[in-house]
Amino acid sequence: MKVKVIRFDLYPKNDANSYVISFEVTLDNNKILYKTTRLTFDDVGYKNEDEIVQLAWNNIKDNIVEENKIKNKSNILNTTFCVNDDYELIENTQENDIISPDIFTDTTNNE
């Protein structure tokens, strides 16, 4: 997992009472998440920027780690699947039909 700070601003701009810190998180499977958290001046006290970023990360890291586990389960969803040419699909199936394996005809066995 790779984490980059992409925002570190006083909030709100005109009468600041907190910091807004945003992170770009690249998960192990290269998917990218964007997470933002806000820390009040009372939360940070007299900490420097590095310490403030660490506090911000501590606020969201458990959520990020959990999302990393979930999103790393599979990359197969929404990918294009190439059908093996050894099988012939029976036509006229509807989009929501349940297709059982026995409707495929194996054309490789020419007995």
Protein backbone atom coordinates (compact mmCIF):
# COMPACT_ATOMS: atom_id res chain seq x y z
CA MET A 1 0.00 0.00 0.00
CA LYS A 2 1.27 3.47 -0.91
CA VAL A 3 -0.03 6.61 0.82
CA LYS A 4 0.38 10.18 -0.46
CA VAL A 5 -0.80 13.40 1.23
CA ILE A 6 -2.74 15.34 -1.42
CA ARG A 7 -4.34 18.06 0.70
CA PHE A 8 -3.31 19.90 3.84
CA ASP A 9 -5.43 23.03 4.32
CA LEU A 10 -6.85 25.26 7.02
CA TYR A 11 -10.63 24.96 7.20
CA PRO A 12 -12.81 26.92 6.70
CA LYS A 13 -10.71 29.35 4.72
CA ASN A 14 -12.16 32.59 6.11
CA ASP A 15 -12.32 31.62 9.79
CA ALA A 16 -10.16 28.53 10.24
CA ASN A 17 -10.66 26.30 13.25
CA SER A 18 -9.29 23.05 11.87
CA TYR A 19 -7.12 21.31 9.28
CA VAL A 20 -8.39 19.21 6.39
CA ILE A 21 -6.01 16.45 5.33
CA SER A 22 -6.60 14.23 2.29
CA PHE A 23 -4.78 11.11 1.25
CA GLU A 24 -4.43 9.22 -2.01
CA VAL A 25 -4.03 5.55 -1.14
CA THR A 26 -2.87 3.05 -3.74
CA LEU A 27 -3.94 -0.42 -2.63
CA ASP A 28 -1.92 -3.57 -3.17
CA ASN A 29 -3.94 -4.32 -6.32
CA ASN A 30 -3.23 -0.78 -7.68
CA LYS A 31 -6.76 0.50 -7.04
CA ILE A 32 -6.77 4.06 -5.69
CA LEU A 33 -8.83 5.41 -2.80
CA TYR A 34 -9.19 9.04 -1.75
CA LYS A 35 -9.84 9.72 1.93
CA THR A 36 -10.23 13.00 3.77
CA THR A 37 -10.37 13.77 7.48
CA ARG A 38 -10.62 16.94 9.55
CA LEU A 39 -8.77 17.73 12.77
CA THR A 40 -9.65 20.72 14.94
CA PHE A 41 -7.00 22.98 16.39
CA ASP A 42 -7.88 21.47 19.78
CA ASP A 43 -7.16 17.98 18.34
CA VAL A 44 -3.68 18.95 17.14
CA GLY A 45 -2.55 21.36 19.85
CA TYR A 46 1.00 22.56 19.07
CA LYS A 47 1.96 19.66 16.78
CA ASN A 48 3.99 20.21 13.61
CA GLU A 49 2.72 19.30 10.11
CA ASP A 50 4.22 15.79 10.16
CA GLU A 51 2.58 15.04 13.49
CA ILE A 52 -0.75 16.42 12.25
CA VAL A 53 -0.59 14.19 9.16
CA GLN A 54 0.16 11.21 11.42
CA LEU A 55 -2.91 12.03 13.55
CA ALA A 56 -5.02 12.31 10.39
CA TRP A 57 -3.73 8.96 9.14
CA ASN A 58 -4.48 7.38 12.52
CA ASN A 59 -8.10 8.59 12.14
CA ILE A 60 -8.65 6.76 8.85
CA LYS A 61 -6.08 3.95 8.66
CA ASP A 62 -8.31 1.19 10.11
CA ASN A 63 -10.92 1.93 7.45
CA ILE A 64 -8.24 1.91 4.72
CA VAL A 65 -6.73 -1.37 5.91
CA GLU A 66 -10.18 -2.99 5.93
CA GLU A 67 -10.97 -1.68 2.42
CA ASN A 68 -7.60 -3.00 1.25
CA LYS A 69 -8.55 -6.48 2.48
CA ILE A 70 -11.98 -6.33 0.81
CA LYS A 71 -10.85 -4.86 -2.51
CA ASN A 72 -7.95 -7.30 -2.83
CA LYS A 73 -10.22 -10.33 -2.86
CA SER A 74 -10.57 -10.42 -6.62
CA ASN A 75 -9.81 -8.40 -9.71
CA ILE A 76 -12.01 -10.60 -11.92
CA LEU A 77 -15.18 -8.49 -11.60
CA ASN A 78 -15.89 -6.22 -14.57
CA THR A 79 -13.16 -7.78 -16.68
CA THR A 80 -13.65 -9.13 -20.19
CA PHE A 81 -13.84 -12.91 -20.32
CA CYS A 82 -12.82 -14.74 -23.50
CA VAL A 83 -14.96 -17.81 -24.14
CA ASN A 84 -13.06 -20.99 -24.92
CA ASP A 85 -13.59 -21.80 -28.64
CA ASP A 86 -13.93 -25.49 -27.84
CA TYR A 87 -17.55 -24.99 -26.76
CA GLU A 88 -20.62 -23.97 -28.70
CA LEU A 89 -23.13 -21.74 -26.91
CA ILE A 90 -26.80 -22.53 -27.46
CA GLU A 91 -28.48 -19.40 -28.82
CA ASN A 92 -31.65 -17.61 -27.72
CA THR A 93 -30.79 -17.32 -24.04
CA GLN A 94 -32.11 -14.24 -22.28
CA GLU A 95 -29.89 -11.90 -20.27
CA ASN A 96 -31.17 -13.08 -16.87
CA ASP A 97 -31.44 -16.79 -17.73
CA ILE A 98 -29.55 -19.15 -15.49
CA ILE A 99 -27.26 -21.13 -17.73
CA SER A 100 -26.32 -24.54 -16.45
CA PRO A 101 -23.11 -26.23 -17.65
CA ASP A 102 -25.03 -29.01 -19.44
CA ILE A 103 -26.30 -26.63 -22.14
CA PHE A 104 -22.80 -26.28 -23.52
CA THR A 105 -21.85 -28.80 -26.16
CA ASP A 106 -18.28 -30.03 -26.23
CA THR A 107 -17.23 -29.89 -29.88
CA THR A 108 -13.72 -31.23 -29.33
CA ASN A 109 -14.77 -34.83 -28.90
CA ASN A 110 -15.60 -36.13 -32.39
CA GLU A 111 -16.46 -39.76 -31.65
